[in-house]
Amino acid sequence: MDTRIVVQHPVATRSATGAEVVTWVDWRTIWAQVEYPKQGNSEEVSTDQEQITCRVRFIIRYTGTIQEKWRIIHEGDTHDILRIVPIGRRDFEDITAEVRK
């Protein structure tokens, strides 16, 4: 675990017009092991824009708090959390996330 990541969670508020606005709030900055699996990455072209999707695995110490609706900021990129799997007897968490570029 040699990389710092920022975990964020959404907070819903109301704008002046009454519309719901979602803002992201930093929950914690934590250490992680970052892995880039070969499977699960893709490229698409839609409406004349190329969109690259990359999957990333983050291994962190177990918190029991992080949810799949949250996101991770790593090296300036925003990763949407797809899956969280505990490792061992709640020693670590394996978080699979996706970034679109």
PDB file of N, CA and C in Angstrom:
ATOM      1  N   MET A   1       0.853  -1.166   0.000  1.00  0.00           N
ATOM      2  CA  MET A   1       0.000   0.000   0.000  1.00  0.00           C
ATOM      3  C   MET A   1       0.897   1.226   0.000  1.00  0.00           C
ATOM      4  N   ASP A   2       1.092   1.725  -1.211  1.00  0.00           N
ATOM      5  CA  ASP A   2       2.050   2.807  -1.364  1.00  0.00           C
ATOM      6  C   ASP A   2       1.498   4.030  -2.085  1.00  0.00           C
ATOM      7  N   THR A   3       0.196   4.071  -2.277  1.00  0.00           N
ATOM      8  CA  THR A   3      -0.429   5.170  -3.007  1.00  0.00           C
ATOM      9  C   THR A   3      -1.546   5.788  -2.178  1.00  0.00           C
ATOM     10  N   ARG A   4      -1.603   7.108  -2.163  1.00  0.00           N
ATOM     11  CA  ARG A   4      -2.672   7.800  -1.445  1.00  0.00           C
ATOM     12  C   ARG A   4      -3.849   8.018  -2.388  1.00  0.00           C
ATOM     13  N   ILE A   5      -5.060   7.702  -1.908  1.00  0.00           N
ATOM     14  CA  ILE A   5      -6.276   7.952  -2.677  1.00  0.00           C
ATOM     15  C   ILE A   5      -7.242   8.740  -1.788  1.00  0.00           C
ATOM     16  N   VAL A   6      -8.151   9.458  -2.438  1.00  0.00           N
ATOM     17  CA  VAL A   6      -9.180  10.203  -1.719  1.00  0.00           C
ATOM     18  C   VAL A   6     -10.513   9.518  -1.985  1.00  0.00           C
ATOM     19  N   VAL A   7     -11.222   9.164  -0.928  1.00  0.00           N
ATOM     20  CA  VAL A   7     -12.542   8.548  -1.046  1.00  0.00           C
ATOM     21  C   VAL A   7     -13.571   9.639  -0.797  1.00  0.00           C
ATOM     22  N   GLN A   8     -14.529   9.754  -1.714  1.00  0.00           N
ATOM     23  CA  GLN A   8     -15.574  10.778  -1.604  1.00  0.00           C
ATOM     24  C   GLN A   8     -16.951  10.128  -1.552  1.00  0.00           C
ATOM     25  N   HIS A   9     -17.881  10.823  -0.886  1.00  0.00           N
ATOM     26  CA  HIS A   9     -19.267  10.347  -0.861  1.00  0.00           C
ATOM     27  C   HIS A   9     -20.187  11.485  -1.315  1.00  0.00           C
ATOM     28  N   PRO A  10     -21.354  11.138  -1.896  1.00  0.00           N
ATOM     29  CA  PRO A  10     -22.276  12.164  -2.385  1.00  0.00           C
ATOM     30  C   PRO A  10     -23.128  12.737  -1.256  1.00  0.00           C
ATOM     31  N   VAL A  11     -23.417  14.029  -1.378  1.00  0.00           N
ATOM     32  CA  VAL A  11     -24.325  14.709  -0.454  1.00  0.00           C
ATOM     33  C   VAL A  11     -25.344  15.456  -1.302  1.00  0.00           C
ATOM     34  N   ALA A  12     -26.617  15.162  -1.086  1.00  0.00           N
ATOM     35  CA  ALA A  12     -27.691  15.822  -1.842  1.00  0.00           C
ATOM     36  C   ALA A  12     -28.131  17.080  -1.098  1.00  0.00           C
ATOM     37  N   THR A  13     -28.186  18.195  -1.832  1.00  0.00           N
ATOM     38  CA  THR A  13     -28.667  19.463  -1.279  1.00  0.00           C
ATOM     39  C   THR A  13     -29.681  20.053  -2.251  1.00  0.00           C
ATOM     40  N   ARG A  14     -30.289  21.133  -1.878  1.00  0.00           N
ATOM     41  CA  ARG A  14     -31.267  21.818  -2.731  1.00  0.00           C
ATOM     42  C   ARG A  14     -30.692  23.152  -3.206  1.00  0.00           C
ATOM     43  N   SER A  15     -30.901  23.444  -4.472  1.00  0.00           N
ATOM     44  CA  SER A  15     -30.466  24.728  -5.016  1.00  0.00           C
ATOM     45  C   SER A  15     -31.510  25.793  -4.680  1.00  0.00           C
ATOM     46  N   ALA A  16     -31.253  27.024  -5.062  1.00  0.00           N
ATOM     47  CA  ALA A  16     -32.187  28.123  -4.802  1.00  0.00           C
ATOM     48  C   ALA A  16     -33.530  27.904  -5.482  1.00  0.00           C
ATOM     49  N   THR A  17     -33.523  27.156  -6.603  1.00  0.00           N
ATOM     50  CA  THR A  17     -34.773  26.875  -7.312  1.00  0.00           C
ATOM     51  C   THR A  17     -35.482  25.636  -6.791  1.00  0.00           C
ATOM     52  N   GLY A  18     -34.856  24.951  -5.842  1.00  0.00           N
ATOM     53  CA  GLY A  18     -35.471  23.760  -5.263  1.00  0.00           C
ATOM     54  C   GLY A  18     -35.043  22.462  -5.906  1.00  0.00           C
ATOM     55  N   ALA A  19     -34.192  22.540  -6.929  1.00  0.00           N
ATOM     56  CA  ALA A  19     -33.721  21.324  -7.587  1.00  0.00           C
ATOM     57  C   ALA A  19     -32.674  20.629  -6.720  1.00  0.00           C
ATOM     58  N   GLU A  20     -32.659  19.313  -6.786  1.00  0.00           N
ATOM     59  CA  GLU A  20     -31.669  18.554  -6.023  1.00  0.00           C
ATOM     60  C   GLU A  20     -30.313  18.640  -6.711  1.00  0.00           C
ATOM     61  N   VAL A  21     -29.292  18.952  -5.937  1.00  0.00           N
ATOM     62  CA  VAL A  21     -27.933  19.061  -6.449  1.00  0.00           C
ATOM     63  C   VAL A  21     -27.056  18.106  -5.645  1.00  0.00           C
ATOM     64  N   VAL A  22     -26.297  17.280  -6.355  1.00  0.00           N
ATOM     65  CA  VAL A  22     -25.400  16.346  -5.691  1.00  0.00           C
ATOM     66  C   VAL A  22     -23.994  16.933  -5.704  1.00  0.00           C
ATOM     67  N   THR A  23     -23.408  17.049  -4.522  1.00  0.00           N
ATOM     68  CA  THR A  23     -22.021  17.486  -4.405  1.00  0.00           C
ATOM     69  C   THR A  23     -21.223  16.360  -3.768  1.00  0.00           C
ATOM     70  N   TRP A  24     -19.935  16.341  -4.028  1.00  0.00           N
ATOM     71  CA  TRP A  24     -19.067  15.285  -3.514  1.00  0.00           C
ATOM     72  C   TRP A  24     -18.207  15.839  -2.398  1.00  0.00           C
ATOM     73  N   VAL A  25     -18.150  15.098  -1.296  1.00  0.00           N
ATOM     74  CA  VAL A  25     -17.424  15.517  -0.108  1.00  0.00           C
ATOM     75  C   VAL A  25     -16.335  14.484   0.181  1.00  0.00           C
ATOM     76  N   ASP A  26     -15.120  14.966   0.476  1.00  0.00           N
ATOM     77  CA  ASP A  26     -14.038  14.059   0.842  1.00  0.00           C
ATOM     78  C   ASP A  26     -14.377  13.364   2.153  1.00  0.00           C
ATOM     79  N   TRP A  27     -14.317  12.036   2.135  1.00  0.00           N
ATOM     80  CA  TRP A  27     -14.541  11.261   3.353  1.00  0.00           C
ATOM     81  C   TRP A  27     -13.214  11.044   4.066  1.00  0.00           C
ATOM     82  N   ARG A  28     -12.216  10.542   3.323  1.00  0.00           N
ATOM     83  CA  ARG A  28     -10.904  10.277   3.890  1.00  0.00           C
ATOM     84  C   ARG A  28      -9.854  10.154   2.800  1.00  0.00           C
ATOM     85  N   THR A  29      -8.626  10.431   3.152  1.00  0.00           N
ATOM     86  CA  THR A  29      -7.477  10.121   2.309  1.00  0.00           C
ATOM     87  C   THR A  29      -6.800   8.920   2.943  1.00  0.00           C
ATOM     88  N   ILE A  30      -6.644   7.846   2.155  1.00  0.00           N
ATOM     89  CA  ILE A  30      -6.132   6.598   2.709  1.00  0.00           C
ATOM     90  C   ILE A  30      -5.068   5.991   1.800  1.00  0.00           C
ATOM     91  N   TRP A  31      -4.311   5.068   2.352  1.00  0.00           N
ATOM     92  CA  TRP A  31      -3.300   4.336   1.590  1.00  0.00           C
ATOM     93  C   TRP A  31      -3.955   3.173   0.856  1.00  0.00           C
ATOM     94  N   ALA A  32      -3.468   2.905  -0.360  1.00  0.00           N
ATOM     95  CA  ALA A  32      -4.019   1.807  -1.155  1.00  0.00           C
ATOM     96  C   ALA A  32      -2.936   1.170  -2.012  1.00  0.00           C
ATOM     97  N   GLN A  33      -3.185  -0.062  -2.361  1.00  0.00           N
ATOM     98  CA  GLN A  33      -2.398  -0.742  -3.390  1.00  0.00           C
ATOM     99  C   GLN A  33      -3.237  -0.644  -4.662  1.00  0.00           C
ATOM    100  N   VAL A  34      -2.653  -0.174  -5.742  1.00  0.00           N
ATOM    101  CA  VAL A  34      -3.399   0.048  -6.977  1.00  0.00           C
ATOM    102  C   VAL A  34      -2.955  -0.971  -8.024  1.00  0.00           C
ATOM    103  N   GLU A  35      -3.932  -1.638  -8.645  1.00  0.00           N
ATOM    104  CA  GLU A  35      -3.654  -2.623  -9.692  1.00  0.00           C
ATOM    105  C   GLU A  35      -4.513  -2.321 -10.908  1.00  0.00           C
ATOM    106  N   TYR A  36      -3.946  -2.558 -12.080  1.00  0.00           N
ATOM    107  CA  TYR A  36      -4.661  -2.334 -13.329  1.00  0.00           C
ATOM    108  C   TYR A  36      -4.865  -3.675 -14.027  1.00  0.00           C
ATOM    109  N   PRO A  37      -6.026  -4.319 -13.824  1.00  0.00           N
ATOM    110  CA  PRO A  37      -6.260  -5.623 -14.459  1.00  0.00           C
ATOM    111  C   PRO A  37      -6.372  -5.485 -15.975  1.00  0.00           C
ATOM    112  N   LYS A  38      -6.005  -6.552 -16.671  1.00  0.00           N
ATOM    113  CA  LYS A  38      -6.047  -6.540 -18.138  1.00  0.00           C
ATOM    114  C   LYS A  38      -7.470  -6.670 -18.661  1.00  0.00           C
ATOM    115  N   GLN A  39      -8.359  -7.282 -17.875  1.00  0.00           N
ATOM    116  CA  GLN A  39      -9.736  -7.475 -18.313  1.00  0.00           C
ATOM    117  C   GLN A  39     -10.618  -6.332 -17.838  1.00  0.00           C
ATOM    118  N   GLY A  40     -11.684  -6.048 -18.586  1.00  0.00           N
ATOM    119  CA  GLY A  40     -12.675  -5.064 -18.168  1.00  0.00           C
ATOM    120  C   GLY A  40     -12.461  -3.676 -18.734  1.00  0.00           C
ATOM    121  N   ASN A  41     -11.416  -3.497 -19.540  1.00  0.00           N
ATOM    122  CA  ASN A  41     -11.173  -2.197 -20.160  1.00  0.00           C
ATOM    123  C   ASN A  41     -11.782  -2.186 -21.554  1.00  0.00           C
ATOM    124  N   SER A  42     -12.246  -1.012 -21.996  1.00  0.00           N
ATOM    125  CA  SER A  42     -12.880  -0.949 -23.307  1.00  0.00           C
ATOM    126  C   SER A  42     -12.742   0.436 -23.915  1.00  0.00           C
ATOM    127  N   GLU A  43     -13.003   0.505 -25.219  1.00  0.00           N
ATOM    128  CA  GLU A  43     -13.041   1.776 -25.944  1.00  0.00           C
ATOM    129  C   GLU A  43     -14.345   1.829 -26.730  1.00  0.00           C
ATOM    130  N   GLU A  44     -14.964   2.994 -26.755  1.00  0.00           N
ATOM    131  CA  GLU A  44     -16.207   3.189 -27.505  1.00  0.00           C
ATOM    132  C   GLU A  44     -16.141   4.520 -28.233  1.00  0.00           C
ATOM    133  N   VAL A  45     -16.847   4.583 -29.364  1.00  0.00           N
ATOM    134  CA  VAL A  45     -16.995   5.854 -30.061  1.00  0.00           C
ATOM    135  C   VAL A  45     -18.486   6.138 -30.152  1.00  0.00           C
ATOM    136  N   SER A  46     -18.911   7.246 -29.528  1.00  0.00           N
ATOM    137  CA  SER A  46     -20.311   7.638 -29.608  1.00  0.00           C
ATOM    138  C   SER A  46     -20.383   9.139 -29.776  1.00  0.00           C
ATOM    139  N   THR A  47     -21.245   9.567 -30.645  1.00  0.00           N
ATOM    140  CA  THR A  47     -21.407  10.992 -30.990  1.00  0.00           C
ATOM    141  C   THR A  47     -20.058  11.662 -31.235  1.00  0.00           C
ATOM    142  N   ASP A  48     -19.255  10.998 -32.061  1.00  0.00           N
ATOM    143  CA  ASP A  48     -17.960  11.516 -32.499  1.00  0.00           C
ATOM    144  C   ASP A  48     -16.963  11.739 -31.369  1.00  0.00           C
ATOM    145  N   GLN A  49     -17.165  11.088 -30.241  1.00  0.00           N
ATOM    146  CA  GLN A  49     -16.203  11.185 -29.153  1.00  0.00           C
ATOM    147  C   GLN A  49     -15.766   9.785 -28.756  1.00  0.00           C
ATOM    148  N   GLU A  50     -14.467   9.622 -28.626  1.00  0.00           N
ATOM    149  CA  GLU A  50     -13.938   8.343 -28.167  1.00  0.00           C
ATOM    150  C   GLU A  50     -13.963   8.329 -26.647  1.00  0.00           C
ATOM    151  N   GLN A  51     -14.494   7.254 -26.078  1.00  0.00           N
ATOM    152  CA  GLN A  51     -14.559   7.130 -24.630  1.00  0.00           C
ATOM    153  C   GLN A  51     -13.840   5.856 -24.217  1.00  0.00           C
ATOM    154  N   ILE A  52     -12.836   6.006 -23.379  1.00  0.00           N
ATOM    155  CA  ILE A  52     -12.058   4.875 -22.906  1.00  0.00           C
ATOM    156  C   ILE A  52     -12.469   4.587 -21.464  1.00  0.00           C
ATOM    157  N   THR A  53     -12.771   3.332 -21.186  1.00  0.00           N
ATOM    158  CA  THR A  53     -13.152   2.908 -19.848  1.00  0.00           C
ATOM    159  C   THR A  53     -12.062   1.993 -19.312  1.00  0.00           C
ATOM    160  N   CYS A  54     -11.521   2.344 -18.149  1.00  0.00           N
ATOM    161  CA  CYS A  54     -10.468   1.547 -17.526  1.00  0.00           C
ATOM    162  C   CYS A  54     -10.910   1.093 -16.142  1.00  0.00           C
ATOM    163  N   ARG A  55     -10.714  -0.170 -15.868  1.00  0.00           N
ATOM    164  CA  ARG A  55     -10.997  -0.707 -14.535  1.00  0.00           C
ATOM    165  C   ARG A  55      -9.721  -0.656 -13.705  1.00  0.00           C
ATOM    166  N   VAL A  56      -9.898  -0.364 -12.439  1.00  0.00           N
ATOM    167  CA  VAL A  56      -8.779  -0.281 -11.507  1.00  0.00           C
ATOM    168  C   VAL A  56      -9.186  -0.982 -10.220  1.00  0.00           C
ATOM    169  N   ARG A  57      -8.244  -1.706  -9.618  1.00  0.00           N
ATOM    170  CA  ARG A  57      -8.487  -2.346  -8.315  1.00  0.00           C
ATOM    171  C   ARG A  57      -7.712  -1.594  -7.252  1.00  0.00           C
ATOM    172  N   PHE A  58      -8.400  -1.278  -6.177  1.00  0.00           N
ATOM    173  CA  PHE A  58      -7.779  -0.632  -5.026  1.00  0.00           C
ATOM    174  C   PHE A  58      -7.897  -1.593  -3.840  1.00  0.00           C
ATOM    175  N   ILE A  59      -6.778  -1.959  -3.254  1.00  0.00           N
ATOM    176  CA  ILE A  59      -6.772  -2.791  -2.054  1.00  0.00           C
ATOM    177  C   ILE A  59      -6.473  -1.851  -0.888  1.00  0.00           C
ATOM    178  N   ILE A  60      -7.390  -1.805   0.088  1.00  0.00           N
ATOM    179  CA  ILE A  60      -7.232  -0.917   1.242  1.00  0.00           C
ATOM    180  C   ILE A  60      -7.464  -1.703   2.523  1.00  0.00           C
ATOM    181  N   ARG A  61      -7.076  -1.118   3.634  1.00  0.00           N
ATOM    182  CA  ARG A  61      -7.412  -1.724   4.928  1.00  0.00           C
ATOM    183  C   ARG A  61      -8.923  -1.653   5.110  1.00  0.00           C
ATOM    184  N   TYR A  62      -9.488  -2.636   5.767  1.00  0.00           N
ATOM    185  CA  TYR A  62     -10.936  -2.733   5.941  1.00  0.00           C
ATOM    186  C   TYR A  62     -11.484  -1.528   6.729  1.00  0.00           C
ATOM    187  N   THR A  63     -12.543  -0.932   6.183  1.00  0.00           N
ATOM    188  CA  THR A  63     -13.226   0.160   6.884  1.00  0.00           C
ATOM    189  C   THR A  63     -14.664  -0.204   7.212  1.00  0.00           C
ATOM    190  N   GLY A  64     -15.310  -0.955   6.320  1.00  0.00           N
ATOM    191  CA  GLY A  64     -16.708  -1.309   6.513  1.00  0.00           C
ATOM    192  C   GLY A  64     -17.661  -0.157   6.272  1.00  0.00           C
ATOM    193  N   THR A  65     -17.145   0.961   5.814  1.00  0.00           N
ATOM    194  CA  THR A  65     -17.952   2.167   5.639  1.00  0.00           C
ATOM    195  C   THR A  65     -18.184   2.513   4.172  1.00  0.00           C
ATOM    196  N   ILE A  66     -17.200   2.289   3.331  1.00  0.00           N
ATOM    197  CA  ILE A  66     -17.269   2.694   1.925  1.00  0.00           C
ATOM    198  C   ILE A  66     -18.405   1.961   1.223  1.00  0.00           C
ATOM    199  N   GLN A  67     -19.136   2.687   0.366  1.00  0.00           N
ATOM    200  CA  GLN A  67     -20.283   2.122  -0.354  1.00  0.00           C
ATOM    201  C   GLN A  67     -20.072   2.215  -1.853  1.00  0.00           C
ATOM    202  N   GLU A  68     -20.837   1.430  -2.586  1.00  0.00           N
ATOM    203  CA  GLU A  68     -20.713   1.395  -4.043  1.00  0.00           C
ATOM    204  C   GLU A  68     -21.182   2.676  -4.714  1.00  0.00           C
ATOM    205  N   LYS A  69     -21.903   3.530  -4.032  1.00  0.00           N
ATOM    206  CA  LYS A  69     -22.348   4.808  -4.608  1.00  0.00           C
ATOM    207  C   LYS A  69     -21.259   5.875  -4.506  1.00  0.00           C
ATOM    208  N   TRP A  70     -20.173   5.561  -3.827  1.00  0.00           N
ATOM    209  CA  TRP A  70     -19.100   6.519  -3.596  1.00  0.00           C
ATOM    210  C   TRP A  70     -18.119   6.509  -4.769  1.00  0.00           C
ATOM    211  N   ARG A  71     -17.074   7.316  -4.678  1.00  0.00           N
ATOM    212  CA  ARG A  71     -16.065   7.349  -5.728  1.00  0.00           C
ATOM    213  C   ARG A  71     -14.681   7.580  -5.122  1.00  0.00           C
ATOM    214  N   ILE A  72     -13.670   7.338  -5.954  1.00  0.00           N
ATOM    215  CA  ILE A  72     -12.279   7.472  -5.535  1.00  0.00           C
ATOM    216  C   ILE A  72     -11.564   8.423  -6.485  1.00  0.00           C
ATOM    217  N   ILE A  73     -10.777   9.313  -5.923  1.00  0.00           N
ATOM    218  CA  ILE A  73      -9.927  10.196  -6.715  1.00  0.00           C
ATOM    219  C   ILE A  73      -8.504   9.657  -6.609  1.00  0.00           C
ATOM    220  N   HIS A  74      -7.927   9.331  -7.773  1.00  0.00           N
ATOM    221  CA  HIS A  74      -6.558   8.792  -7.821  1.00  0.00           C
ATOM    222  C   HIS A  74      -5.826   9.431  -8.990  1.00  0.00           C
ATOM    223  N   GLU A  75      -4.724  10.091  -8.698  1.00  0.00           N
ATOM    224  CA  GLU A  75      -3.904  10.766  -9.704  1.00  0.00           C
ATOM    225  C   GLU A  75      -4.736  11.714 -10.567  1.00  0.00           C
ATOM    226  N   GLY A  76      -5.670  12.407  -9.945  1.00  0.00           N
ATOM    227  CA  GLY A  76      -6.483  13.391 -10.645  1.00  0.00           C
ATOM    228  C   GLY A  76      -7.671  12.838 -11.406  1.00  0.00           C
ATOM    229  N   ASP A  77      -7.809  11.521 -11.474  1.00  0.00           N
ATOM    230  CA  ASP A  77      -8.932  10.892 -12.174  1.00  0.00           C
ATOM    231  C   ASP A  77      -9.999  10.463 -11.174  1.00  0.00           C
ATOM    232  N   THR A  78     -11.253  10.558 -11.607  1.00  0.00           N
ATOM    233  CA  THR A  78     -12.383  10.157 -10.769  1.00  0.00           C
ATOM    234  C   THR A  78     -12.815   8.749 -11.149  1.00  0.00           C
ATOM    235  N   HIS A  79     -12.812   7.843 -10.168  1.00  0.00           N
ATOM    236  CA  HIS A  79     -13.165   6.438 -10.372  1.00  0.00           C
ATOM    237  C   HIS A  79     -14.490   6.141  -9.672  1.00  0.00           C
ATOM    238  N   ASP A  80     -15.469   5.663 -10.417  1.00  0.00           N
ATOM    239  CA  ASP A  80     -16.751   5.258  -9.841  1.00  0.00           C
ATOM    240  C   ASP A  80     -16.609   3.841  -9.291  1.00  0.00           C
ATOM    241  N   ILE A  81     -16.994   3.643  -8.041  1.00  0.00           N
ATOM    242  CA  ILE A  81     -16.876   2.331  -7.414  1.00  0.00           C
ATOM    243  C   ILE A  81     -17.956   1.398  -7.959  1.00  0.00           C
ATOM    244  N   LEU A  82     -17.517   0.222  -8.414  1.00  0.00           N
ATOM    245  CA  LEU A  82     -18.436  -0.772  -8.967  1.00  0.00           C
ATOM    246  C   LEU A  82     -18.722  -1.900  -7.985  1.00  0.00           C
ATOM    247  N   ARG A  83     -17.684  -2.295  -7.202  1.00  0.00           N
ATOM    248  CA  ARG A  83     -17.824  -3.469  -6.351  1.00  0.00           C
ATOM    249  C   ARG A  83     -16.845  -3.380  -5.196  1.00  0.00           C
ATOM    250  N   ILE A  84     -17.282  -3.846  -4.028  1.00  0.00           N
ATOM    251  CA  ILE A  84     -16.429  -3.881  -2.845  1.00  0.00           C
ATOM    252  C   ILE A  84     -16.516  -5.290  -2.254  1.00  0.00           C
ATOM    253  N   VAL A  85     -15.363  -5.936  -2.103  1.00  0.00           N
ATOM    254  CA  VAL A  85     -15.321  -7.296  -1.575  1.00  0.00           C
ATOM    255  C   VAL A  85     -14.356  -7.339  -0.386  1.00  0.00           C
ATOM    256  N   PRO A  86     -14.819  -7.795   0.778  1.00  0.00           N
ATOM    257  CA  PRO A  86     -13.899  -7.932   1.914  1.00  0.00           C
ATOM    258  C   PRO A  86     -12.903  -9.061   1.657  1.00  0.00           C
ATOM    259  N   ILE A  87     -11.688  -8.879   2.160  1.00  0.00           N
ATOM    260  CA  ILE A  87     -10.644  -9.897   2.032  1.00  0.00           C
ATOM    261  C   ILE A  87     -10.305 -10.404   3.429  1.00  0.00           C
ATOM    262  N   GLY A  88     -10.241 -11.719   3.557  1.00  0.00           N
ATOM    263  CA  GLY A  88      -9.904 -12.311   4.847  1.00  0.00           C
ATOM    264  C   GLY A  88     -11.012 -12.070   5.858  1.00  0.00           C
ATOM    265  N   ARG A  89     -10.616 -11.965   7.093  1.00  0.00           N
ATOM    266  CA  ARG A  89     -11.586 -11.718   8.162  1.00  0.00           C
ATOM    267  C   ARG A  89     -11.672 -10.226   8.422  1.00  0.00           C
ATOM    268  N   ARG A  90     -12.112  -9.526   7.390  1.00  0.00           N
ATOM    269  CA  ARG A  90     -12.241  -8.078   7.447  1.00  0.00           C
ATOM    270  C   ARG A  90     -10.895  -7.396   7.702  1.00  0.00           C
ATOM    271  N   ASP A  91      -9.867  -7.933   7.039  1.00  0.00           N
ATOM    272  CA  ASP A  91      -8.552  -7.316   7.130  1.00  0.00           C
ATOM    273  C   ASP A  91      -8.392  -6.225   6.081  1.00  0.00           C
ATOM    274  N   PHE A  92      -8.873  -6.523   4.862  1.00  0.00           N
ATOM    275  CA  PHE A  92      -8.729  -5.602   3.740  1.00  0.00           C
ATOM    276  C   PHE A  92     -10.022  -5.563   2.933  1.00  0.00           C
ATOM    277  N   GLU A  93     -10.105  -4.586   2.027  1.00  0.00           N
ATOM    278  CA  GLU A  93     -11.214  -4.506   1.076  1.00  0.00           C
ATOM    279  C   GLU A  93     -10.638  -4.407  -0.325  1.00  0.00           C
ATOM    280  N   ASP A  94     -11.213  -5.152  -1.243  1.00  0.00           N
ATOM    281  CA  ASP A  94     -10.848  -5.128  -2.655  1.00  0.00           C
ATOM    282  C   ASP A  94     -11.926  -4.316  -3.367  1.00  0.00           C
ATOM    283  N   ILE A  95     -11.564  -3.126  -3.823  1.00  0.00           N
ATOM    284  CA  ILE A  95     -12.529  -2.230  -4.468  1.00  0.00           C
ATOM    285  C   ILE A  95     -12.239  -2.191  -5.962  1.00  0.00           C
ATOM    286  N   THR A  96     -13.230  -2.565  -6.763  1.00  0.00           N
ATOM    287  CA  THR A  96     -13.127  -2.442  -8.210  1.00  0.00           C
ATOM    288  C   THR A  96     -13.835  -1.162  -8.612  1.00  0.00           C
ATOM    289  N   ALA A  97     -13.121  -0.329  -9.361  1.00  0.00           N
ATOM    290  CA  ALA A  97     -13.668   0.956  -9.785  1.00  0.00           C
ATOM    291  C   ALA A  97     -13.396   1.161 -11.270  1.00  0.00           C
ATOM    292  N   GLU A  98     -14.082   2.131 -11.835  1.00  0.00           N
ATOM    293  CA  GLU A  98     -13.993   2.384 -13.269  1.00  0.00           C
ATOM    294  C   GLU A  98     -13.810   3.877 -13.514  1.00  0.00           C
ATOM    295  N   VAL A  99     -12.908   4.211 -14.432  1.00  0.00           N
ATOM    296  CA  VAL A  99     -12.690   5.597 -14.814  1.00  0.00           C
ATOM    297  C   VAL A  99     -12.960   5.721 -16.310  1.00  0.00           C
ATOM    298  N   ARG A 100     -13.609   6.812 -16.689  1.00  0.00           N
ATOM    299  CA  ARG A 100     -13.895   7.084 -18.109  1.00  0.00           C
ATOM    300  C   ARG A 100     -13.074   8.276 -18.529  1.00  0.00           C
ATOM    301  N   LYS A 101     -12.366   8.119 -19.622  1.00  0.00           N
ATOM    302  CA  LYS A 101     -11.521   9.211 -20.126  1.00  0.00           C
ATOM    303  C   LYS A 101     -11.944   9.620 -21.509  1.00  0.00           C
TER     304      LYS A 101
END
